[in-house]
Amino acid sequence: ARVLDGLGFRYYWVTQGLTEKDLLYKPNNDARTSRETIEHIYRLSKVIVNSTMKKPNMQTSENEDLSFDQIREITLRNIKTAADILRYSTDVSQYKVVFKSDNGSNEFPFWNQLNGPIADAIWHCGQIVLMRRSSGNPFTKNVSLFHGTIKNKS
């Protein structure tokens, strides 16, 4: 739960105050935009929460037409839901990561979440920090990622 609390705190602050210019920023032709990176974190958050809710991840080609604000809100809710479930759980082995498609299914133990979607989402939060700095809207200095708190403004 604590790792997800940290992810949620980071994601909240790295996405706070992003502008359309920030969302469209792309460091080079081969890279994702900030918006595409945020959409990727959203998809990772669905894998994380589905595991804790004991739901499979269904492979689909459907595109969800969500605004940035909707993606941000749902992502934060997914992370909080998963963290809350884990906070009160005594046995994480019950939370398998399951991927299903027309070709069958694959199942992984919960621990794959740590080096998979959770680590990946934290990694991408760092990318958003870099991209927003490059687009002229740096990440606030008023948060302590170590403590998970807002710093005094004095």
N, C-alpha and C. Protein backbone atom coordinates (compact mmCIF):
# COMPACT_ATOMS: atom_id res chain seq x y z
N ALA A 1 0.83 -1.19 0.00
CA ALA A 1 0.00 0.00 0.00
C ALA A 1 0.87 1.26 0.00
N ARG A 2 1.96 1.23 0.76
CA ARG A 2 2.80 2.43 0.87
C ARG A 2 3.42 2.81 -0.47
N VAL A 3 3.81 1.84 -1.26
CA VAL A 3 4.39 2.14 -2.58
C VAL A 3 3.33 2.81 -3.46
N LEU A 4 2.09 2.34 -3.38
CA LEU A 4 1.02 2.96 -4.16
C LEU A 4 0.67 4.34 -3.62
N ASP A 5 0.76 4.53 -2.31
CA ASP A 5 0.56 5.88 -1.76
C ASP A 5 1.60 6.83 -2.36
N GLY A 6 2.85 6.37 -2.44
CA GLY A 6 3.90 7.18 -3.03
C GLY A 6 3.65 7.47 -4.50
N LEU A 7 3.20 6.46 -5.24
CA LEU A 7 2.86 6.66 -6.65
C LEU A 7 1.73 7.67 -6.79
N GLY A 8 0.69 7.52 -5.99
CA GLY A 8 -0.44 8.45 -6.06
C GLY A 8 -0.03 9.87 -5.75
N PHE A 9 0.81 10.05 -4.73
CA PHE A 9 1.29 11.38 -4.37
C PHE A 9 2.10 11.99 -5.51
N ARG A 10 3.01 11.21 -6.06
CA ARG A 10 3.82 11.68 -7.19
C ARG A 10 2.94 12.04 -8.38
N TYR A 11 2.06 11.12 -8.74
CA TYR A 11 1.21 11.34 -9.92
C TYR A 11 0.35 12.59 -9.73
N TYR A 12 -0.21 12.75 -8.54
CA TYR A 12 -1.03 13.93 -8.27
C TYR A 12 -0.24 15.20 -8.56
N TRP A 13 0.96 15.29 -8.01
CA TRP A 13 1.73 16.53 -8.13
C TRP A 13 2.39 16.70 -9.49
N VAL A 14 2.80 15.63 -10.15
CA VAL A 14 3.42 15.82 -11.47
C VAL A 14 2.38 16.18 -12.52
N THR A 15 1.11 15.84 -12.28
CA THR A 15 0.07 16.18 -13.25
C THR A 15 -0.72 17.43 -12.86
N GLN A 16 -0.49 17.95 -11.66
CA GLN A 16 -1.18 19.15 -11.18
C GLN A 16 -0.75 20.36 -12.01
N GLY A 17 -1.72 21.08 -12.56
CA GLY A 17 -1.42 22.33 -13.26
C GLY A 17 -0.85 22.17 -14.66
N LEU A 18 -0.96 20.99 -15.25
CA LEU A 18 -0.48 20.83 -16.62
C LEU A 18 -1.38 21.61 -17.58
N THR A 19 -0.76 22.23 -18.55
CA THR A 19 -1.49 23.00 -19.56
C THR A 19 -1.58 22.18 -20.85
N GLU A 20 -2.37 22.66 -21.78
CA GLU A 20 -2.48 21.99 -23.08
C GLU A 20 -1.10 21.94 -23.75
N LYS A 21 -0.33 23.01 -23.61
CA LYS A 21 1.03 23.04 -24.17
C LYS A 21 1.87 21.92 -23.56
N ASP A 22 1.77 21.74 -22.25
CA ASP A 22 2.51 20.66 -21.57
C ASP A 22 2.07 19.30 -22.10
N LEU A 23 0.77 19.10 -22.23
CA LEU A 23 0.24 17.80 -22.66
C LEU A 23 0.68 17.44 -24.07
N LEU A 24 0.86 18.44 -24.91
CA LEU A 24 1.27 18.20 -26.30
C LEU A 24 2.78 18.08 -26.46
N TYR A 25 3.53 18.42 -25.41
CA TYR A 25 4.99 18.40 -25.51
C TYR A 25 5.50 17.00 -25.81
N LYS A 26 6.43 16.95 -26.77
CA LYS A 26 7.04 15.68 -27.19
C LYS A 26 8.53 15.94 -27.38
N PRO A 27 9.39 15.27 -26.61
CA PRO A 27 10.82 15.57 -26.67
C PRO A 27 11.48 15.30 -28.02
N ASN A 28 10.97 14.32 -28.76
CA ASN A 28 11.49 14.04 -30.10
C ASN A 28 10.45 13.22 -30.86
N ASN A 29 10.70 12.99 -32.13
CA ASN A 29 9.72 12.31 -32.98
C ASN A 29 9.44 10.87 -32.57
N ASP A 30 10.37 10.23 -31.89
CA ASP A 30 10.20 8.83 -31.49
C ASP A 30 9.57 8.68 -30.10
N ALA A 31 9.36 9.78 -29.41
CA ALA A 31 8.88 9.74 -28.03
C ALA A 31 7.36 9.94 -27.95
N ARG A 32 6.82 9.62 -26.79
CA ARG A 32 5.41 9.92 -26.50
C ARG A 32 5.29 11.38 -26.08
N THR A 33 4.10 11.93 -26.28
CA THR A 33 3.81 13.24 -25.70
C THR A 33 3.54 13.04 -24.21
N SER A 34 3.49 14.15 -23.48
CA SER A 34 3.12 14.06 -22.06
C SER A 34 1.74 13.43 -21.92
N ARG A 35 0.81 13.83 -22.78
CA ARG A 35 -0.56 13.27 -22.73
C ARG A 35 -0.52 11.75 -22.96
N GLU A 36 0.23 11.30 -23.95
CA GLU A 36 0.32 9.86 -24.23
C GLU A 36 0.95 9.12 -23.05
N THR A 37 1.91 9.73 -22.39
CA THR A 37 2.53 9.12 -21.21
C THR A 37 1.52 9.02 -20.08
N ILE A 38 0.71 10.05 -19.90
CA ILE A 38 -0.34 10.05 -18.88
C ILE A 38 -1.38 8.98 -19.19
N GLU A 39 -1.72 8.82 -20.47
CA GLU A 39 -2.66 7.76 -20.86
C GLU A 39 -2.08 6.38 -20.57
N HIS A 40 -0.76 6.23 -20.75
CA HIS A 40 -0.10 4.96 -20.44
C HIS A 40 -0.17 4.68 -18.93
N ILE A 41 0.08 5.69 -18.12
CA ILE A 41 -0.02 5.51 -16.66
C ILE A 41 -1.46 5.14 -16.29
N TYR A 42 -2.42 5.74 -16.95
CA TYR A 42 -3.83 5.40 -16.71
C TYR A 42 -4.06 3.91 -16.98
N ARG A 43 -3.55 3.40 -18.09
CA ARG A 43 -3.72 1.97 -18.40
C ARG A 43 -3.00 1.10 -17.37
N LEU A 44 -1.83 1.52 -16.91
CA LEU A 44 -1.12 0.78 -15.86
C LEU A 44 -1.94 0.77 -14.57
N SER A 45 -2.57 1.89 -14.26
CA SER A 45 -3.38 1.96 -13.03
C SER A 45 -4.56 1.00 -13.10
N LYS A 46 -5.07 0.76 -14.30
CA LYS A 46 -6.17 -0.20 -14.45
C LYS A 46 -5.67 -1.62 -14.17
N VAL A 47 -4.46 -1.95 -14.62
CA VAL A 47 -3.88 -3.27 -14.33
C VAL A 47 -3.71 -3.43 -12.82
N ILE A 48 -3.20 -2.40 -12.17
CA ILE A 48 -2.96 -2.44 -10.73
C ILE A 48 -4.26 -2.63 -9.96
N VAL A 49 -5.26 -1.81 -10.25
CA VAL A 49 -6.52 -1.90 -9.49
C VAL A 49 -7.27 -3.18 -9.83
N ASN A 50 -7.22 -3.63 -11.08
CA ASN A 50 -7.92 -4.87 -11.43
C ASN A 50 -7.38 -6.04 -10.63
N SER A 51 -6.08 -6.07 -10.42
CA SER A 51 -5.48 -7.14 -9.63
C SER A 51 -6.05 -7.15 -8.21
N THR A 52 -6.10 -5.98 -7.59
CA THR A 52 -6.58 -5.92 -6.21
C THR A 52 -8.08 -6.16 -6.11
N MET A 53 -8.80 -5.96 -7.21
CA MET A 53 -10.24 -6.23 -7.22
C MET A 53 -10.54 -7.62 -7.77
N LYS A 54 -9.46 -8.37 -8.05
CA LYS A 54 -9.56 -9.75 -8.55
C LYS A 54 -10.33 -9.82 -9.87
N LYS A 55 -10.04 -8.84 -10.74
CA LYS A 55 -10.66 -8.78 -12.06
C LYS A 55 -9.58 -8.97 -13.12
N PRO A 56 -9.89 -9.67 -14.20
CA PRO A 56 -8.91 -9.82 -15.27
C PRO A 56 -8.78 -8.54 -16.09
N ASN A 57 -7.65 -8.39 -16.73
CA ASN A 57 -7.43 -7.30 -17.67
C ASN A 57 -7.77 -7.84 -19.04
N MET A 58 -8.77 -7.26 -19.65
CA MET A 58 -9.23 -7.73 -20.95
C MET A 58 -8.51 -6.97 -22.05
N GLN A 59 -7.93 -7.70 -22.98
CA GLN A 59 -7.26 -7.07 -24.10
C GLN A 59 -8.32 -6.59 -25.08
N THR A 60 -8.30 -5.29 -25.35
CA THR A 60 -9.29 -4.71 -26.24
C THR A 60 -8.63 -3.64 -27.10
N SER A 61 -9.19 -3.40 -28.25
CA SER A 61 -8.66 -2.36 -29.13
C SER A 61 -9.49 -1.09 -29.01
N GLU A 62 -10.46 -1.09 -28.09
CA GLU A 62 -11.31 0.08 -27.91
C GLU A 62 -10.49 1.25 -27.39
N ASN A 63 -10.73 2.42 -27.97
CA ASN A 63 -10.12 3.64 -27.47
C ASN A 63 -11.14 4.38 -26.62
N GLU A 64 -10.75 4.73 -25.42
CA GLU A 64 -11.62 5.50 -24.56
C GLU A 64 -11.41 6.98 -24.87
N ASP A 65 -12.49 7.69 -25.05
CA ASP A 65 -12.41 9.12 -25.37
C ASP A 65 -12.59 9.91 -24.09
N LEU A 66 -11.50 10.05 -23.34
CA LEU A 66 -11.55 10.73 -22.05
C LEU A 66 -10.72 12.01 -22.10
N SER A 67 -11.17 13.02 -21.38
CA SER A 67 -10.40 14.25 -21.27
C SER A 67 -9.21 14.01 -20.33
N PHE A 68 -8.26 14.92 -20.35
CA PHE A 68 -7.13 14.83 -19.42
C PHE A 68 -7.63 14.80 -17.98
N ASP A 69 -8.58 15.68 -17.65
CA ASP A 69 -9.09 15.73 -16.27
C ASP A 69 -9.74 14.41 -15.87
N GLN A 70 -10.47 13.78 -16.79
CA GLN A 70 -11.09 12.48 -16.50
C GLN A 70 -10.03 11.41 -16.29
N ILE A 71 -9.03 11.37 -17.16
CA ILE A 71 -7.95 10.39 -17.03
C ILE A 71 -7.25 10.57 -15.69
N ARG A 72 -6.95 11.80 -15.35
CA ARG A 72 -6.24 12.09 -14.09
C ARG A 72 -7.07 11.64 -12.89
N GLU A 73 -8.35 11.98 -12.89
CA GLU A 73 -9.23 11.61 -11.78
C GLU A 73 -9.36 10.09 -11.64
N ILE A 74 -9.57 9.40 -12.74
CA ILE A 74 -9.74 7.94 -12.69
C ILE A 74 -8.43 7.27 -12.27
N THR A 75 -7.31 7.76 -12.78
CA THR A 75 -6.01 7.19 -12.41
C THR A 75 -5.77 7.33 -10.92
N LEU A 76 -6.01 8.52 -10.38
CA LEU A 76 -5.84 8.73 -8.95
C LEU A 76 -6.77 7.84 -8.14
N ARG A 77 -8.00 7.70 -8.58
CA ARG A 77 -8.96 6.84 -7.89
C ARG A 77 -8.52 5.37 -7.94
N ASN A 78 -8.04 4.92 -9.12
CA ASN A 78 -7.55 3.54 -9.25
C ASN A 78 -6.41 3.27 -8.28
N ILE A 79 -5.46 4.19 -8.21
CA ILE A 79 -4.30 4.01 -7.33
C ILE A 79 -4.75 3.98 -5.87
N LYS A 80 -5.64 4.90 -5.49
CA LYS A 80 -6.13 4.94 -4.10
C LYS A 80 -6.92 3.68 -3.76
N THR A 81 -7.77 3.23 -4.66
CA THR A 81 -8.56 2.02 -4.41
C THR A 81 -7.65 0.83 -4.17
N ALA A 82 -6.65 0.66 -5.04
CA ALA A 82 -5.72 -0.46 -4.89
C ALA A 82 -4.94 -0.34 -3.58
N ALA A 83 -4.47 0.86 -3.25
CA ALA A 83 -3.72 1.05 -2.00
C ALA A 83 -4.59 0.73 -0.80
N ASP A 84 -5.83 1.17 -0.81
CA ASP A 84 -6.73 0.92 0.32
C ASP A 84 -7.01 -0.57 0.50
N ILE A 85 -7.20 -1.28 -0.61
CA ILE A 85 -7.42 -2.73 -0.52
C ILE A 85 -6.20 -3.41 0.07
N LEU A 86 -5.02 -3.04 -0.41
CA LEU A 86 -3.78 -3.67 0.08
C LEU A 86 -3.49 -3.30 1.53
N ARG A 87 -3.85 -2.09 1.92
CA ARG A 87 -3.58 -1.62 3.29
C ARG A 87 -4.25 -2.52 4.33
N TYR A 88 -5.39 -3.07 3.99
CA TYR A 88 -6.15 -3.89 4.94
C TYR A 88 -6.08 -5.38 4.63
N SER A 89 -5.19 -5.75 3.72
CA SER A 89 -5.06 -7.16 3.34
C SER A 89 -3.93 -7.82 4.12
N THR A 90 -4.13 -9.08 4.45
CA THR A 90 -3.07 -9.83 5.13
C THR A 90 -2.42 -10.85 4.21
N ASP A 91 -2.95 -10.99 2.99
CA ASP A 91 -2.42 -12.00 2.06
C ASP A 91 -2.48 -11.48 0.63
N VAL A 92 -1.36 -10.90 0.17
CA VAL A 92 -1.35 -10.34 -1.18
C VAL A 92 -1.33 -11.41 -2.27
N SER A 93 -1.07 -12.65 -1.91
CA SER A 93 -1.01 -13.70 -2.93
C SER A 93 -2.36 -13.92 -3.62
N GLN A 94 -3.43 -13.43 -3.01
CA GLN A 94 -4.75 -13.58 -3.62
C GLN A 94 -4.98 -12.60 -4.78
N TYR A 95 -4.10 -11.61 -4.93
CA TYR A 95 -4.27 -10.58 -5.95
C TYR A 95 -3.40 -10.88 -7.17
N LYS A 96 -3.83 -11.79 -7.96
CA LYS A 96 -3.10 -12.18 -9.17
C LYS A 96 -3.28 -11.12 -10.26
N VAL A 97 -2.31 -11.05 -11.14
CA VAL A 97 -2.42 -10.19 -12.32
C VAL A 97 -2.83 -11.11 -13.46
N VAL A 98 -4.01 -10.88 -14.02
CA VAL A 98 -4.54 -11.76 -15.05
C VAL A 98 -4.81 -10.94 -16.31
N PHE A 99 -4.26 -11.42 -17.42
CA PHE A 99 -4.51 -10.82 -18.74
C PHE A 99 -5.30 -11.82 -19.56
N LYS A 100 -6.43 -11.39 -20.11
CA LYS A 100 -7.26 -12.26 -20.94
C LYS A 100 -7.44 -11.65 -22.32
N SER A 101 -7.45 -12.52 -23.32
CA SER A 101 -7.73 -12.11 -24.69
C SER A 101 -8.45 -13.26 -25.38
N ASP A 102 -8.76 -13.08 -26.64
CA ASP A 102 -9.39 -14.15 -27.42
C ASP A 102 -8.49 -15.38 -27.53
N ASN A 103 -7.20 -15.18 -27.34
CA ASN A 103 -6.22 -16.27 -27.47
C ASN A 103 -5.95 -17.00 -26.16
N GLY A 104 -6.63 -16.63 -25.08
CA GLY A 104 -6.41 -17.29 -23.80
C GLY A 104 -6.10 -16.29 -22.71
N SER A 105 -5.45 -16.79 -21.65
CA SER A 105 -5.13 -15.90 -20.54
C SER A 105 -3.76 -16.23 -19.96
N ASN A 106 -3.18 -15.23 -19.32
CA ASN A 106 -1.92 -15.36 -18.61
C ASN A 106 -2.12 -14.84 -17.20
N GLU A 107 -1.54 -15.55 -16.23
CA GLU A 107 -1.69 -15.17 -14.84
C GLU A 107 -0.32 -15.05 -14.20
N PHE A 108 -0.15 -13.99 -13.39
CA PHE A 108 1.12 -13.73 -12.72
C PHE A 108 0.86 -13.45 -11.25
N PRO A 109 1.84 -13.74 -10.38
CA PRO A 109 1.66 -13.44 -8.96
C PRO A 109 1.66 -11.93 -8.72
N PHE A 110 1.09 -11.54 -7.61
CA PHE A 110 1.01 -10.12 -7.25
C PHE A 110 2.37 -9.43 -7.34
N TRP A 111 3.42 -10.11 -6.93
CA TRP A 111 4.74 -9.48 -6.85
C TRP A 111 5.21 -8.93 -8.18
N ASN A 112 4.68 -9.45 -9.28
CA ASN A 112 5.03 -8.90 -10.59
C ASN A 112 4.52 -7.46 -10.75
N GLN A 113 3.57 -7.05 -9.92
CA GLN A 113 3.10 -5.66 -9.94
C GLN A 113 4.24 -4.70 -9.59
N LEU A 114 5.09 -5.12 -8.64
CA LEU A 114 6.13 -4.21 -8.15
C LEU A 114 7.14 -3.85 -9.22
N ASN A 115 7.65 -4.85 -9.93
CA ASN A 115 8.64 -4.55 -10.97
C ASN A 115 7.98 -4.33 -12.32
N GLY A 116 6.66 -4.50 -12.40
CA GLY A 116 5.91 -4.28 -13.63
C GLY A 116 5.20 -2.95 -13.60
N PRO A 117 3.86 -2.96 -13.53
CA PRO A 117 3.10 -1.72 -13.67
C PRO A 117 3.39 -0.65 -12.62
N ILE A 118 3.66 -1.03 -11.38
CA ILE A 118 3.91 0.00 -10.36
C ILE A 118 5.23 0.72 -10.64
N ALA A 119 6.30 -0.04 -10.85
CA ALA A 119 7.60 0.58 -11.15
C ALA A 119 7.53 1.38 -12.45
N ASP A 120 6.82 0.85 -13.44
CA ASP A 120 6.69 1.53 -14.72
C ASP A 120 5.96 2.87 -14.54
N ALA A 121 4.90 2.89 -13.75
CA ALA A 121 4.16 4.13 -13.53
C ALA A 121 5.02 5.17 -12.81
N ILE A 122 5.80 4.74 -11.82
CA ILE A 122 6.70 5.66 -11.13
C ILE A 122 7.73 6.22 -12.11
N TRP A 123 8.28 5.36 -12.93
CA TRP A 123 9.25 5.76 -13.96
C TRP A 123 8.66 6.84 -14.85
N HIS A 124 7.43 6.62 -15.31
CA HIS A 124 6.79 7.57 -16.22
C HIS A 124 6.42 8.88 -15.53
N CYS A 125 6.18 8.86 -14.22
CA CYS A 125 5.98 10.12 -13.49
C CYS A 125 7.23 10.98 -13.61
N GLY A 126 8.39 10.35 -13.51
CA GLY A 126 9.65 11.08 -13.68
C GLY A 126 9.78 11.67 -15.08
N GLN A 127 9.31 10.94 -16.08
CA GLN A 127 9.34 11.47 -17.45
C GLN A 127 8.46 12.70 -17.58
N ILE A 128 7.30 12.68 -16.93
CA ILE A 128 6.41 13.84 -16.99
C ILE A 128 7.07 15.05 -16.34
N VAL A 129 7.78 14.83 -15.22
CA VAL A 129 8.51 15.92 -14.57
C VAL A 129 9.48 16.54 -15.56
N LEU A 130 10.24 15.71 -16.25
CA LEU A 130 11.22 16.21 -17.22
C LEU A 130 10.53 16.93 -18.38
N MET A 131 9.45 16.35 -18.91
CA MET A 131 8.78 16.97 -20.05
C MET A 131 8.12 18.29 -19.66
N ARG A 132 7.53 18.37 -18.48
CA ARG A 132 6.89 19.64 -18.10
C ARG A 132 7.95 20.71 -17.85
N ARG A 133 9.11 20.32 -17.35
CA ARG A 133 10.21 21.28 -17.19
C ARG A 133 10.64 21.78 -18.56
N SER A 134 10.75 20.87 -19.52
CA SER A 134 11.16 21.23 -20.88
C SER A 134 10.13 22.10 -21.59
N SER A 135 8.86 21.95 -21.25
CA SER A 135 7.82 22.76 -21.89
C SER A 135 7.57 24.07 -21.15
N GLY A 136 8.39 24.34 -20.12
CA GLY A 136 8.33 25.64 -19.44
C GLY A 136 7.42 25.70 -18.23
N ASN A 137 6.98 24.56 -17.71
CA ASN A 137 6.07 24.53 -16.56
C ASN A 137 6.62 23.53 -15.54
N PRO A 138 7.71 23.89 -14.84
CA PRO A 138 8.37 22.92 -13.96
C PRO A 138 7.49 22.45 -12.80
N PHE A 139 7.81 21.25 -12.35
CA PHE A 139 7.19 20.61 -11.18
C PHE A 139 7.43 21.48 -9.96
N THR A 140 6.43 21.62 -9.12
CA THR A 140 6.54 22.46 -7.93
C THR A 140 7.66 21.98 -7.00
N LYS A 141 8.29 22.94 -6.35
CA LYS A 141 9.33 22.62 -5.37
C LYS A 141 8.74 22.53 -3.97
N ASN A 142 7.43 22.69 -3.85
CA ASN A 142 6.78 22.73 -2.54
C ASN A 142 6.29 21.38 -2.04
N VAL A 143 6.78 20.29 -2.62
CA VAL A 143 6.41 18.96 -2.13
C VAL A 143 7.67 18.19 -1.76
N SER A 144 7.54 17.36 -0.76
CA SER A 144 8.62 16.46 -0.38
C SER A 144 8.20 15.05 -0.77
N LEU A 145 8.81 14.52 -1.82
CA LEU A 145 8.48 13.17 -2.26
C LEU A 145 8.94 12.14 -1.22
N PHE A 146 10.02 12.43 -0.51
CA PHE A 146 10.51 11.52 0.52
C PHE A 146 9.49 11.35 1.65
N HIS A 147 8.94 12.49 2.09
CA HIS A 147 7.98 12.46 3.20
C HIS A 147 6.54 12.29 2.74
N GLY A 148 6.29 12.56 1.45
CA GLY A 148 4.92 12.50 0.95
C GLY A 148 4.06 13.62 1.51
N THR A 149 4.68 14.81 1.64
CA THR A 149 3.99 15.94 2.24
C THR A 149 4.25 17.22 1.44
N ILE A 150 3.46 18.24 1.76
CA ILE A 150 3.66 19.58 1.21
C ILE A 150 4.66 20.28 2.13
N LYS A 151 5.65 20.94 1.53
CA LYS A 151 6.63 21.68 2.34
C LYS A 151 6.02 22.99 2.81
N ASN A 152 6.57 23.53 3.88
CA ASN A 152 6.16 24.86 4.33
C ASN A 152 6.55 25.86 3.28
N LYS A 153 5.67 26.82 3.03
CA LYS A 153 5.94 27.82 1.99
C LYS A 153 6.73 29.00 2.51
N SER A 154 7.10 29.00 3.77
CA SER A 154 7.83 30.13 4.35
C SER A 154 9.29 30.09 4.01
